[in-house]
Amino acid sequence: MTTLNQDDLKDYYTNAIGGTISFKTKRYKGFELGVKGIFTYRGFASGLNESDGITGRVAKWEHKLYDVNDFNNFNDLDRLEKLY
């Protein structure tokens, strides 16, 4: 993901890598069990937490690939996606 700003605003970029792991049982009398999780790691990035000199704000869109509640967490982001 890349944000190319106009004028003298700071440009931001990042690359996340991740995947999913899932397990599902065979159907038995119309029922099945399953679980699915995802994981994400930062591949490379510019200084996403470095504020822009003009606006004073940090990267907006690039943080959406990671933990939006903790802007310093870029590694081993795990999430339970499905449980049934």
N, C-alpha and C. Protein backbone atom coordinates (compact mmCIF):
# COMPACT_ATOMS: atom_id res chain seq x y z
N MET A 1 0.85 -1.15 0.00
CA MET A 1 0.00 0.00 0.00
C MET A 1 0.90 1.22 0.00
N THR A 2 0.55 2.19 -0.80
CA THR A 2 1.35 3.40 -0.92
C THR A 2 0.45 4.63 -0.97
N THR A 3 0.84 5.67 -0.26
CA THR A 3 0.17 6.96 -0.34
C THR A 3 1.19 7.96 -0.86
N LEU A 4 0.94 8.47 -2.05
CA LEU A 4 1.79 9.50 -2.64
C LEU A 4 1.08 10.84 -2.49
N ASN A 5 1.57 11.67 -1.59
CA ASN A 5 0.95 12.96 -1.33
C ASN A 5 1.48 14.03 -2.26
N GLN A 6 0.70 15.07 -2.42
CA GLN A 6 1.11 16.19 -3.27
C GLN A 6 1.99 17.16 -2.49
N ASP A 7 2.65 18.00 -3.22
CA ASP A 7 3.47 19.07 -2.66
C ASP A 7 4.56 18.51 -1.74
N ASP A 8 4.72 19.10 -0.56
CA ASP A 8 5.80 18.71 0.35
C ASP A 8 5.35 17.74 1.45
N LEU A 9 4.15 17.17 1.32
CA LEU A 9 3.67 16.23 2.33
C LEU A 9 4.45 14.92 2.23
N LYS A 10 4.63 14.25 3.35
CA LYS A 10 5.39 13.00 3.42
C LYS A 10 4.64 11.86 2.72
N ASP A 11 5.36 11.05 1.96
CA ASP A 11 4.79 9.86 1.32
C ASP A 11 5.01 8.67 2.25
N TYR A 12 4.02 7.75 2.26
CA TYR A 12 4.10 6.55 3.10
C TYR A 12 3.93 5.31 2.24
N TYR A 13 4.57 4.21 2.63
CA TYR A 13 4.38 2.93 1.95
C TYR A 13 4.59 1.79 2.93
N THR A 14 3.98 0.66 2.65
CA THR A 14 4.15 -0.54 3.47
C THR A 14 3.75 -1.78 2.68
N ASN A 15 4.28 -2.91 3.09
CA ASN A 15 3.94 -4.19 2.49
C ASN A 15 3.73 -5.19 3.61
N ALA A 16 2.55 -5.79 3.67
CA ALA A 16 2.23 -6.79 4.69
C ALA A 16 2.16 -8.16 4.03
N ILE A 17 2.57 -9.17 4.77
CA ILE A 17 2.48 -10.54 4.29
C ILE A 17 1.74 -11.34 5.36
N GLY A 18 0.91 -12.25 4.92
CA GLY A 18 0.14 -13.03 5.87
C GLY A 18 -0.56 -14.20 5.21
N GLY A 19 -1.42 -14.82 5.96
CA GLY A 19 -2.15 -15.96 5.43
C GLY A 19 -3.24 -16.39 6.38
N THR A 20 -3.89 -17.47 6.01
CA THR A 20 -4.95 -18.03 6.83
C THR A 20 -4.68 -19.50 7.10
N ILE A 21 -5.17 -19.95 8.21
CA ILE A 21 -5.13 -21.37 8.56
C ILE A 21 -6.54 -21.76 8.98
N SER A 22 -7.05 -22.85 8.42
CA SER A 22 -8.40 -23.26 8.78
C SER A 22 -8.47 -24.78 8.93
N PHE A 23 -9.45 -25.18 9.70
CA PHE A 23 -9.72 -26.60 9.91
C PHE A 23 -11.23 -26.79 9.92
N LYS A 24 -11.71 -27.79 9.20
CA LYS A 24 -13.13 -28.07 9.14
C LYS A 24 -13.33 -29.58 9.16
N THR A 25 -14.25 -30.06 9.99
CA THR A 25 -14.54 -31.48 10.05
C THR A 25 -15.48 -31.87 8.91
N LYS A 26 -15.59 -33.14 8.66
CA LYS A 26 -16.58 -33.62 7.70
C LYS A 26 -17.96 -33.52 8.33
N ARG A 27 -18.96 -33.43 7.48
CA ARG A 27 -20.34 -33.36 7.97
C ARG A 27 -20.74 -34.70 8.59
N TYR A 28 -21.42 -34.57 9.70
CA TYR A 28 -21.95 -35.75 10.38
C TYR A 28 -23.38 -35.44 10.80
N LYS A 29 -24.33 -36.09 10.16
CA LYS A 29 -25.76 -35.87 10.42
C LYS A 29 -26.12 -34.40 10.28
N GLY A 30 -25.57 -33.75 9.27
CA GLY A 30 -25.88 -32.36 8.98
C GLY A 30 -25.09 -31.33 9.77
N PHE A 31 -24.17 -31.75 10.62
CA PHE A 31 -23.38 -30.82 11.43
C PHE A 31 -21.90 -30.91 11.05
N GLU A 32 -21.20 -29.81 11.22
CA GLU A 32 -19.75 -29.78 11.06
C GLU A 32 -19.17 -28.74 12.00
N LEU A 33 -17.92 -28.90 12.33
CA LEU A 33 -17.20 -27.95 13.19
C LEU A 33 -16.08 -27.33 12.38
N GLY A 34 -15.76 -26.07 12.68
CA GLY A 34 -14.68 -25.43 11.95
C GLY A 34 -14.09 -24.26 12.72
N VAL A 35 -12.87 -23.94 12.39
CA VAL A 35 -12.17 -22.79 12.96
C VAL A 35 -11.25 -22.24 11.88
N LYS A 36 -11.11 -20.91 11.84
CA LYS A 36 -10.24 -20.27 10.85
C LYS A 36 -9.57 -19.07 11.52
N GLY A 37 -8.29 -18.92 11.31
CA GLY A 37 -7.55 -17.78 11.84
C GLY A 37 -6.66 -17.17 10.77
N ILE A 38 -6.30 -15.91 10.97
CA ILE A 38 -5.41 -15.23 10.04
C ILE A 38 -4.21 -14.68 10.80
N PHE A 39 -3.12 -14.48 10.08
CA PHE A 39 -1.93 -13.87 10.68
C PHE A 39 -1.32 -12.90 9.68
N THR A 40 -0.71 -11.85 10.20
CA THR A 40 -0.12 -10.80 9.37
C THR A 40 1.21 -10.36 9.95
N TYR A 41 2.18 -10.12 9.09
CA TYR A 41 3.49 -9.59 9.47
C TYR A 41 3.83 -8.42 8.53
N ARG A 42 4.60 -7.48 9.04
CA ARG A 42 5.07 -6.39 8.19
C ARG A 42 6.27 -6.88 7.39
N GLY A 43 6.22 -6.72 6.07
CA GLY A 43 7.35 -7.07 5.22
C GLY A 43 8.38 -5.96 5.22
N PHE A 44 7.98 -4.79 4.77
CA PHE A 44 8.82 -3.59 4.81
C PHE A 44 7.90 -2.38 4.81
N ALA A 45 8.43 -1.26 5.26
CA ALA A 45 7.61 -0.05 5.34
C ALA A 45 8.48 1.17 5.55
N SER A 46 7.90 2.32 5.21
CA SER A 46 8.53 3.59 5.57
C SER A 46 8.18 3.85 7.04
N GLY A 47 8.63 4.93 7.57
CA GLY A 47 8.33 5.26 8.96
C GLY A 47 6.87 5.66 9.12
N LEU A 48 6.00 4.69 9.34
CA LEU A 48 4.57 4.96 9.42
C LEU A 48 4.18 5.80 10.63
N ASN A 49 4.99 5.75 11.67
CA ASN A 49 4.68 6.53 12.87
C ASN A 49 5.40 7.88 12.90
N GLU A 50 6.14 8.19 11.85
CA GLU A 50 6.79 9.51 11.77
C GLU A 50 5.76 10.51 11.25
N SER A 51 5.58 11.58 12.00
CA SER A 51 4.57 12.56 11.61
C SER A 51 5.05 13.43 10.45
N ASP A 52 4.10 13.86 9.67
CA ASP A 52 4.37 14.74 8.54
C ASP A 52 4.74 16.12 9.08
N GLY A 53 5.71 16.75 8.48
CA GLY A 53 6.18 18.05 8.95
C GLY A 53 5.15 19.16 8.81
N ILE A 54 4.24 19.04 7.86
CA ILE A 54 3.25 20.10 7.63
C ILE A 54 1.97 19.85 8.42
N THR A 55 1.42 18.64 8.32
CA THR A 55 0.14 18.35 8.97
C THR A 55 0.30 17.87 10.41
N GLY A 56 1.46 17.30 10.75
CA GLY A 56 1.68 16.77 12.09
C GLY A 56 1.01 15.43 12.32
N ARG A 57 0.49 14.80 11.27
CA ARG A 57 -0.20 13.53 11.38
C ARG A 57 0.67 12.39 10.85
N VAL A 58 0.38 11.16 11.30
CA VAL A 58 1.09 9.97 10.84
C VAL A 58 0.30 9.34 9.69
N ALA A 59 0.83 8.24 9.14
CA ALA A 59 0.17 7.55 8.04
C ALA A 59 -1.23 7.13 8.44
N LYS A 60 -2.18 7.33 7.53
CA LYS A 60 -3.57 6.99 7.83
C LYS A 60 -3.94 5.62 7.28
N TRP A 61 -3.81 5.44 5.99
CA TRP A 61 -4.30 4.23 5.33
C TRP A 61 -3.39 3.03 5.55
N GLU A 62 -2.11 3.23 5.63
CA GLU A 62 -1.16 2.11 5.78
C GLU A 62 -1.33 1.39 7.12
N HIS A 63 -1.75 2.10 8.15
CA HIS A 63 -1.96 1.46 9.45
C HIS A 63 -3.13 0.48 9.43
N LYS A 64 -4.01 0.58 8.46
CA LYS A 64 -5.17 -0.32 8.38
C LYS A 64 -4.75 -1.76 8.10
N LEU A 65 -3.54 -2.00 7.60
CA LEU A 65 -3.06 -3.36 7.37
C LEU A 65 -2.64 -4.05 8.66
N TYR A 66 -2.49 -3.29 9.73
CA TYR A 66 -1.96 -3.81 10.98
C TYR A 66 -2.95 -3.59 12.11
N ASP A 67 -2.46 -3.38 13.30
CA ASP A 67 -3.30 -3.19 14.49
C ASP A 67 -3.71 -1.72 14.58
N VAL A 68 -4.98 -1.42 14.30
CA VAL A 68 -5.43 -0.03 14.31
C VAL A 68 -5.56 0.54 15.72
N ASN A 69 -5.53 -0.33 16.73
CA ASN A 69 -5.60 0.14 18.11
C ASN A 69 -4.23 0.38 18.72
N ASP A 70 -3.18 -0.17 18.11
CA ASP A 70 -1.82 -0.01 18.60
C ASP A 70 -0.91 0.25 17.40
N PHE A 71 -0.61 1.50 17.13
CA PHE A 71 0.17 1.87 15.94
C PHE A 71 1.61 1.39 15.99
N ASN A 72 2.06 0.85 17.12
CA ASN A 72 3.43 0.34 17.22
C ASN A 72 3.52 -1.17 17.01
N ASN A 73 2.39 -1.84 16.82
CA ASN A 73 2.36 -3.29 16.67
C ASN A 73 2.28 -3.66 15.19
N PHE A 74 3.38 -4.19 14.64
CA PHE A 74 3.44 -4.56 13.24
C PHE A 74 3.74 -6.04 13.02
N ASN A 75 4.00 -6.79 14.07
CA ASN A 75 4.46 -8.17 13.92
C ASN A 75 3.53 -9.17 14.57
N ASP A 76 3.35 -10.30 13.91
CA ASP A 76 2.56 -11.42 14.41
C ASP A 76 1.18 -11.00 14.89
N LEU A 77 0.42 -10.43 13.99
CA LEU A 77 -0.96 -10.04 14.31
C LEU A 77 -1.85 -11.24 13.99
N ASP A 78 -2.47 -11.79 15.02
CA ASP A 78 -3.31 -12.97 14.86
C ASP A 78 -4.76 -12.62 15.15
N ARG A 79 -5.66 -13.25 14.41
CA ARG A 79 -7.08 -12.97 14.64
C ARG A 79 -7.88 -14.23 14.34
N LEU A 80 -8.82 -14.53 15.23
CA LEU A 80 -9.75 -15.62 14.99
C LEU A 80 -10.82 -15.10 14.03
N GLU A 81 -10.93 -15.72 12.87
CA GLU A 81 -11.82 -15.26 11.83
C GLU A 81 -13.18 -15.96 11.90
N LYS A 82 -13.17 -17.27 12.06
CA LYS A 82 -14.41 -18.05 12.13
C LYS A 82 -14.30 -19.12 13.21
N LEU A 83 -15.41 -19.38 13.87
CA LEU A 83 -15.51 -20.46 14.84
C LEU A 83 -16.94 -20.94 14.81
N TYR A 84 -17.15 -22.16 14.35
CA TYR A 84 -18.52 -22.68 14.28
C TYR A 84 -18.54 -24.17 14.50
